[in-house]
Protein backbone atom coordinates (compact mmCIF):
# COMPACT_ATOMS: atom_id res chain seq x y z
CA MET A 1 -0.17 0.14 -0.09
CA GLY A 2 1.49 3.37 -0.85
CA LYS A 3 1.18 6.54 1.35
CA LYS A 4 -1.52 7.59 2.68
CA VAL A 5 -3.49 11.01 1.12
CA ILE A 6 -6.84 13.04 2.30
CA ALA A 7 -7.68 14.06 -0.78
CA ALA A 8 -10.32 17.21 -0.50
CA MET A 9 -13.63 16.07 -2.52
CA SER A 10 -15.42 19.37 -3.33
CA GLY A 11 -17.71 17.23 -5.83
CA GLY A 12 -15.98 19.22 -8.80
CA VAL A 13 -14.34 17.64 -11.68
CA ASP A 14 -11.13 18.82 -10.71
CA SER A 15 -10.78 17.32 -7.26
CA SER A 16 -12.24 14.46 -8.52
CA ALA A 17 -9.61 13.95 -11.17
CA ALA A 18 -6.86 14.70 -9.02
CA ALA A 19 -8.22 11.40 -6.56
CA ALA A 20 -8.19 9.50 -9.50
CA LEU A 21 -4.28 10.41 -10.69
CA LEU A 22 -3.33 10.08 -7.16
CA ILE A 23 -4.46 6.21 -7.12
CA GLU A 24 -2.85 5.87 -10.34
CA GLN A 25 0.77 7.23 -8.96
CA GLY A 26 -0.08 4.19 -5.96
CA TYR A 27 -1.48 6.35 -3.28
CA ASP A 28 -3.95 5.12 -0.27
CA VAL A 29 -6.63 8.05 -1.06
CA ILE A 30 -9.04 8.84 1.52
CA GLY A 31 -11.61 11.27 0.30
CA VAL A 32 -12.92 14.45 2.35
CA THR A 33 -15.94 16.73 1.71
CA LEU A 34 -15.80 19.94 4.03
CA ASN A 35 -19.32 20.81 5.42
CA VAL A 36 -19.36 24.62 5.13
CA TRP A 37 -22.73 25.34 4.61
CA PRO A 38 -25.03 26.94 7.24
CA SER A 39 -27.36 25.24 9.52
CA GLU A 40 -30.98 25.38 9.29
CA GLU A 41 -30.63 27.20 12.61
CA SER A 42 -28.14 29.74 11.11
CA SER A 43 -28.97 33.75 10.97
CA LEU A 44 -27.10 33.66 7.74
CA ALA A 45 -29.26 34.59 4.99
CA CYS A 46 -27.74 32.80 1.92
CA SER A 47 -29.73 32.03 -1.11
CA ARG A 48 -27.58 29.20 -2.10
CA THR A 49 -25.03 26.98 0.02
CA CYS A 50 -21.74 26.67 -0.11
CA CYS A 51 -20.52 23.41 -0.91
CA SER A 52 -24.21 22.01 -1.28
CA ILE A 53 -25.90 19.09 -0.65
CA THR A 54 -25.59 18.11 -3.91
CA ASP A 55 -21.98 18.79 -3.92
CA VAL A 56 -21.65 16.50 -1.09
CA ASP A 57 -23.43 13.62 -2.93
CA ASP A 58 -21.52 14.43 -6.26
CA ALA A 59 -18.31 13.61 -3.85
CA ARG A 60 -19.52 10.57 -2.24
CA GLN A 61 -20.29 9.17 -5.70
CA VAL A 62 -17.07 9.64 -7.12
CA CYS A 63 -15.45 8.26 -4.22
CA ASN A 64 -17.57 5.18 -4.59
CA LYS A 65 -16.75 4.76 -8.27
CA LEU A 66 -13.09 5.23 -7.23
CA LYS A 67 -13.72 2.58 -4.42
CA ILE A 68 -12.08 5.04 -1.96
CA PRO A 69 -13.78 5.95 1.69
CA HIS A 70 -15.45 9.31 1.74
CA TYR A 71 -15.98 11.16 4.87
CA VAL A 72 -17.64 14.84 5.47
CA LEU A 73 -16.23 16.90 8.00
CA ASN A 74 -18.05 20.09 10.05
CA MET A 75 -16.49 23.07 8.94
CA ARG A 76 -19.37 25.33 9.56
CA GLU A 77 -18.18 27.55 12.31
CA ILE A 78 -14.58 28.30 11.17
CA PHE A 79 -16.29 28.89 7.61
CA ARG A 80 -18.45 31.15 9.05
CA ARG A 81 -15.82 32.98 11.22
CA ASP A 82 -12.97 32.91 9.19
CA VAL A 83 -14.77 33.59 5.69
CA ILE A 84 -18.05 35.06 5.59
CA ASP A 85 -17.73 36.95 8.75
CA TYR A 86 -14.57 38.29 7.07
CA PHE A 87 -16.08 38.71 4.07
CA LEU A 88 -18.86 41.20 5.29
CA ASP A 89 -16.52 42.96 7.73
CA GLU A 90 -14.05 43.89 4.85
CA TYR A 91 -16.80 45.45 2.69
CA MET A 92 -18.37 47.39 5.40
CA LYS A 93 -14.83 48.80 6.18
CA GLY A 94 -14.68 49.89 2.60
CA ARG A 95 -12.18 47.45 1.35
CA THR A 96 -12.26 44.48 -1.23
CA PRO A 97 -11.99 41.09 0.32
CA ASN A 98 -10.78 37.81 -1.06
CA PRO A 99 -12.70 34.91 0.76
CA CYS A 100 -11.41 32.13 -1.57
CA ILE A 101 -7.76 33.27 0.00
CA ALA A 102 -9.31 32.97 3.91
CA CYS A 103 -11.00 30.01 2.89
CA ASN A 104 -7.76 28.37 1.48
CA ALA A 105 -5.79 29.67 4.36
CA HIS A 106 -8.39 28.49 7.48
CA VAL A 107 -10.65 26.32 6.09
CA LYS A 108 -9.08 23.78 3.49
CA PHE A 109 -5.26 23.45 4.17
CA GLU A 110 -5.25 24.63 7.84
CA ALA A 111 -8.30 22.13 8.77
CA MET A 112 -7.08 19.62 6.24
CA MET A 113 -3.69 19.40 7.73
CA GLN A 114 -4.75 18.60 11.07
CA LYS A 115 -7.12 16.00 10.33
CA ALA A 116 -4.09 14.40 7.88
CA ALA A 117 -1.83 14.19 11.07
CA GLU A 118 -5.23 13.14 13.24
CA LEU A 119 -5.56 10.10 10.55
CA GLY A 120 -2.13 9.48 10.32
CA ALA A 121 -1.87 10.73 6.47
CA ASP A 122 1.16 11.84 4.69
CA TYR A 123 -0.30 14.31 2.35
CA VAL A 124 -3.18 16.47 1.54
CA ALA A 125 -4.36 16.40 -2.11
CA THR A 126 -6.26 19.24 -3.71
CA GLY A 127 -7.67 20.29 -7.13
CA HIS A 128 -5.74 23.36 -7.21
CA TYR A 129 -3.94 24.10 -10.70
CA ALA A 130 -0.40 24.70 -9.38
CA THR A 131 2.59 22.70 -9.16
CA ILE A 132 5.39 22.30 -6.17
CA VAL A 133 8.83 22.38 -7.00
CA GLU A 134 12.06 22.20 -5.00
CA ASP A 135 14.97 24.71 -5.56
CA GLU A 136 18.43 24.32 -4.97
CA GLY A 137 19.03 24.85 -1.36
CA GLY A 138 15.79 22.75 -0.46
CA GLU A 139 13.25 25.39 -0.26
CA LEU A 140 9.84 24.40 -1.54
CA SER A 141 7.51 26.69 -3.64
CA LEU A 142 4.89 26.95 -5.96
CA LYS A 143 5.24 27.55 -9.79
CA CYS A 144 2.40 28.20 -12.44
CA SER A 145 0.34 25.27 -13.17
CA LYS A 146 0.43 24.11 -17.25
CA ASP A 147 -2.94 25.48 -17.84
CA ALA A 148 -2.24 29.47 -17.80
CA HIS A 149 -6.11 30.09 -17.89
CA LYS A 150 -6.58 28.06 -14.67
CA ASP A 151 -3.33 28.98 -12.61
CA GLN A 152 -4.17 29.28 -9.36
CA THR A 153 -0.92 30.06 -7.13
CA TYR A 154 -2.57 33.58 -6.57
CA VAL A 155 -4.66 31.87 -4.03
CA LEU A 156 -2.04 29.78 -2.78
CA TYR A 157 0.58 32.38 -1.66
CA MET A 158 0.27 32.09 1.98
CA LEU A 159 1.26 28.44 2.34
CA GLY A 160 4.17 27.74 4.22
CA GLN A 161 7.18 25.06 3.98
CA GLN A 162 5.52 23.04 6.08
CA GLN A 163 2.39 22.85 4.57
CA LEU A 164 3.89 22.51 1.07
CA SER A 165 6.06 19.48 1.81
CA HIS A 166 2.76 17.30 2.75
CA LEU A 167 0.78 18.75 0.23
CA LEU A 168 0.24 17.17 -3.64
CA LEU A 169 -1.46 18.95 -6.55
CA PRO A 170 -1.98 16.53 -9.35
CA CYS A 171 -3.86 18.68 -11.19
CA GLY A 172 -1.00 20.97 -11.85
CA GLY A 173 0.61 19.61 -14.91
CA TYR A 174 -2.67 19.37 -17.06
CA THR A 175 -4.85 21.24 -18.79
CA LYS A 176 -8.45 21.55 -17.95
CA PRO A 177 -9.21 19.83 -20.85
CA GLU A 178 -7.04 17.06 -19.93
CA VAL A 179 -8.17 17.08 -16.58
CA ARG A 180 -11.89 16.24 -17.99
CA ASP A 181 -10.38 13.68 -20.08
CA VAL A 182 -8.97 11.58 -16.91
CA ALA A 183 -12.28 12.19 -15.33
CA GLN A 184 -14.12 10.94 -18.25
CA ARG A 185 -11.52 7.71 -18.85
CA TYR A 186 -12.51 7.00 -15.28
CA GLU A 187 -16.13 7.35 -15.98
CA LEU A 188 -16.89 9.61 -12.86
CA PRO A 189 -20.07 10.69 -12.78
CA ASN A 190 -19.30 14.35 -12.40
CA PHE A 191 -16.79 14.57 -15.43
CA LYS A 192 -18.92 17.03 -17.43
CA LYS A 193 -19.87 19.45 -14.66
CA PRO A 194 -19.50 22.97 -15.32
CA ASP A 195 -16.61 24.87 -13.10
CA SER A 196 -18.54 27.61 -10.65
CA GLN A 197 -18.13 30.88 -11.40
CA ASP A 198 -18.79 32.94 -7.99
CA LEU A 199 -18.30 32.90 -4.88
CA CYS A 200 -20.11 29.46 -3.37
CA PHE A 201 -22.12 31.31 -0.44
CA VAL A 202 -23.31 34.79 -2.57
CA GLY A 203 -25.82 33.46 -4.93
CA ALA A 204 -28.01 35.39 -7.52
CA GLU A 205 -28.50 38.11 -5.06
CA GLY A 206 -24.61 39.27 -5.61
CA TYR A 207 -22.35 40.61 -3.19
CA ALA A 208 -24.10 43.72 -2.48
CA GLY A 209 -27.30 42.00 -2.04
CA PHE A 210 -25.83 39.48 0.19
CA ILE A 211 -24.08 42.36 2.54
CA ARG A 212 -27.61 44.03 2.37
CA SER A 213 -29.41 40.77 3.90
CA ASN A 214 -26.66 39.75 6.76
CA CYS A 215 -25.70 43.29 8.04
CA GLY A 216 -27.29 46.03 5.93
CA SER A 217 -28.64 47.56 8.67
CA LEU A 218 -25.18 48.78 9.53
CA ALA A 219 -24.80 50.82 6.32
CA ARG A 220 -25.04 54.55 6.62
CA VAL A 221 -26.35 56.68 3.80
CA GLY A 222 -23.01 59.28 2.53
CA ASN A 223 -22.01 61.42 0.08
CA VAL A 224 -20.43 60.95 -3.48
CA ILE A 225 -17.58 63.15 -4.32
CA ASN A 226 -15.99 64.42 -7.33
CA LYS A 227 -12.08 64.87 -7.81
CA SER A 228 -12.89 68.75 -7.62
CA GLY A 229 -14.47 68.05 -3.96
CA ARG A 230 -18.04 68.70 -4.93
CA ILE A 231 -20.58 66.59 -3.49
CA ILE A 232 -22.57 64.82 -6.59
CA GLY A 233 -24.98 63.06 -4.88
CA GLN A 234 -25.61 60.18 -2.36
CA HIS A 235 -25.11 56.79 -1.98
CA ASP A 236 -26.93 53.93 0.33
CA GLY A 237 -23.69 51.95 1.68
CA VAL A 238 -20.12 51.74 0.81
CA TYR A 239 -20.45 48.19 0.22
CA ASN A 240 -21.92 48.71 -2.68
CA PHE A 241 -18.77 49.93 -4.29
CA THR A 242 -15.11 48.58 -4.78
CA VAL A 243 -12.13 50.89 -6.48
CA GLY A 244 -12.27 50.70 -10.21
CA GLN A 245 -16.05 49.98 -10.19
CA HIS A 246 -17.81 52.14 -12.78
CA LYS A 247 -21.68 50.40 -12.08
CA GLY A 248 -23.99 52.61 -10.97
CA LEU A 249 -22.04 56.00 -11.12
CA GLY A 250 -24.11 56.81 -14.66
CA LYS A 251 -26.63 58.77 -12.48
CA TYR A 252 -24.17 61.23 -10.73
CA SER A 253 -22.59 62.20 -13.80
CA ASP A 254 -22.51 62.57 -17.77
CA LYS A 255 -18.73 61.71 -17.73
CA LYS A 256 -18.01 58.31 -17.33
CA LEU A 257 -16.80 57.86 -13.81
CA PHE A 258 -15.01 55.32 -11.79
CA VAL A 259 -14.54 54.73 -8.02
CA THR A 260 -10.98 55.91 -6.88
CA GLU A 261 -11.30 55.59 -2.88
CA ILE A 262 -13.49 55.03 -0.55
CA ASP A 263 -14.01 56.14 3.14
CA ALA A 264 -16.03 53.86 5.04
CA GLU A 265 -15.41 55.73 8.54
CA ASN A 266 -17.13 58.73 7.03
CA ALA A 267 -19.25 56.72 4.70
CA THR A 268 -17.82 58.60 1.45
CA VAL A 269 -17.51 57.38 -1.64
CA TYR A 270 -14.56 59.21 -4.08
CA VAL A 271 -14.91 59.40 -7.90
CA GLY A 272 -12.79 60.25 -11.04
CA GLU A 273 -11.94 59.63 -14.36
CA ASN A 274 -10.24 56.39 -15.51
CA GLU A 275 -6.78 58.62 -15.31
CA ASP A 276 -7.63 59.01 -11.87
CA LEU A 277 -7.11 55.15 -11.20
CA MET A 278 -3.38 55.00 -12.21
CA SER A 279 -0.94 54.43 -9.22
CA SER A 280 2.63 53.92 -9.51
CA ARG A 281 2.96 52.72 -6.16
CA MET A 282 1.33 50.86 -3.19
CA LEU A 283 1.71 50.04 0.32
CA VAL A 284 1.41 45.97 1.04
CA ASN A 285 0.84 44.52 4.69
CA GLU A 286 0.47 40.87 6.41
CA LEU A 287 3.33 40.07 4.41
CA ARG A 288 3.65 35.93 4.07
CA TYR A 289 6.92 34.50 2.98
CA MET A 290 7.11 31.47 0.64
CA LEU A 291 10.39 31.97 -0.53
CA LYS A 292 12.37 34.57 2.03
CA SER A 293 15.45 34.41 0.88
CA LYS A 294 14.25 35.74 -2.81
CA LEU A 295 11.58 37.99 -1.48
CA CYS A 296 13.54 40.47 0.23
CA ASP A 297 14.17 44.49 0.28
CA GLY A 298 15.14 45.73 -3.30
CA ALA A 299 14.07 42.61 -4.88
CA ARG A 300 12.91 42.83 -8.73
CA VAL A 301 9.26 41.01 -8.55
CA GLY A 302 6.13 40.38 -10.91
CA VAL A 303 3.20 41.09 -9.03
CA LYS A 304 -0.44 40.49 -9.73
CA ILE A 305 -2.94 43.09 -8.10
CA ARG A 306 -5.74 40.84 -8.27
CA TYR A 307 -6.64 37.23 -9.58
CA SER A 308 -7.33 38.00 -13.12
CA ALA A 309 -4.56 40.55 -13.36
CA LYS A 310 -1.39 40.10 -15.87
CA GLU A 311 2.15 40.24 -13.65
CA ALA A 312 3.50 43.74 -13.37
CA GLN A 313 7.28 44.23 -12.96
CA ALA A 314 7.89 46.28 -9.77
CA THR A 315 10.52 46.51 -6.99
CA ILE A 316 9.86 45.63 -3.54
CA ASN A 317 11.01 47.48 -0.62
CA ILE A 318 10.42 45.93 2.47
CA THR A 319 10.10 47.18 6.31
CA ASP A 320 8.93 44.59 9.17
CA ASP A 321 5.73 43.33 8.07
CA GLU A 322 5.06 46.11 5.44
CA ALA A 323 6.12 46.72 1.59
CA THR A 324 5.88 49.31 -0.60
CA VAL A 325 5.77 48.17 -4.07
CA VAL A 326 7.17 50.59 -6.87
CA PHE A 327 5.97 49.73 -10.27
CA ASP A 328 7.77 50.03 -13.24
CA GLU A 329 4.62 51.36 -15.24
CA PRO A 330 1.48 52.89 -13.37
CA GLN A 331 -1.23 50.02 -12.48
CA ARG A 332 -4.96 50.41 -12.78
CA ALA A 333 -7.29 50.42 -9.59
CA VAL A 334 -5.24 49.32 -7.27
CA THR A 335 -7.77 47.89 -4.44
CA PRO A 336 -7.18 47.85 -0.48
CA GLY A 337 -8.04 44.20 0.78
CA GLN A 338 -7.11 42.34 -2.31
CA ALA A 339 -3.96 40.21 -2.49
CA ALA A 340 -0.71 41.22 -3.86
CA VAL A 341 1.42 38.03 -4.91
CA PHE A 342 4.85 38.30 -6.12
CA TYR A 343 6.61 36.06 -8.34
CA GLN A 344 10.05 35.50 -10.39
CA ASP A 345 9.85 33.34 -13.39
CA GLY A 346 6.59 31.71 -12.65
CA ILE A 347 7.49 30.93 -9.23
CA VAL A 348 5.48 32.48 -5.92
CA LEU A 349 8.13 34.24 -3.95
CA GLY A 350 4.85 34.99 -1.31
CA GLY A 351 2.23 37.84 -0.73
CA GLY A 352 0.27 40.03 1.41
CA VAL A 353 -2.79 42.18 1.72
CA ILE A 354 -3.26 45.70 -0.16
CA VAL A 355 -3.43 48.47 1.74
CA ARG A 356 -3.84 51.11 -0.25
CA ALA A 357 -2.19 53.18 -3.44
CA LEU A 358 0.49 55.50 -2.63
CA ASP A 359 -0.29 58.38 -5.09
CA MET A 360 -3.41 57.95 -6.80
């Protein structure tokens, strides 16, 4: 029998194919699905459940097909505290959070690693699109996946050496079509299942609707102010806005306006034109190092300021837990609350949380 692996099974095709690939490679695989949806007694208003019962059923069917055991772990409280509450709190502060990163950090990897240790498993595996590499000095890091369009290294920057040493990412060396082919070859029942398109807990009401349902009573009416300092209207709550947003601003002016800054403390939304969104520097805190020897003061890096962004070349200046990032070319809509992830030659060095643009 091969080494024991706890495989995170979401019910999707990626995690299902990952489990199949691990079996091919000789591992002893145990499927685990995290139960994170609100209980019936929960006060959380949610039009669509996260990791729904249907997804759990899909994961169980896949495990049955692969002839491996399947377990469900109750992670409701930690998901509510570290993902949903964080999401709501950040938006109410006028910041734009990344709950997928919070879920990876606190729920998927932290909780799964603990469970693996309890069960005597050697590894945890997920269906993320990334690969783990080792440098000449023996340090581990993440490398961008074969499928550039599906690459998920951005949401995994917080992983440390200990976690990487016990992590397997079987899908990182495949493209999405190849992963579906694996699932079809094993006749997995979900091989045609479409990818999820949005946050698992938000639903059709969207971000703002979800926030209104759960903490909208805390919202305050405030002013919308243009770059000349003139009040041009009022809004119903800062949670309706994010830096770079144009939607919903047409009623305030004939010009095409964008959100340039949010002052949640004073319930003020500042707007300007597209050129007002460009920044040559930003401040990042809560730094997490994957390769500390390379993520150092004065390092030249490629930085992604959002999941879908291309890498921007920059110099990083580090002081304690903060870094000033100086871009070679100004970047559009640097957004507080989002992650900044640093790369060199497709290798993740680490990352942090954007505090603000410094010269917008």
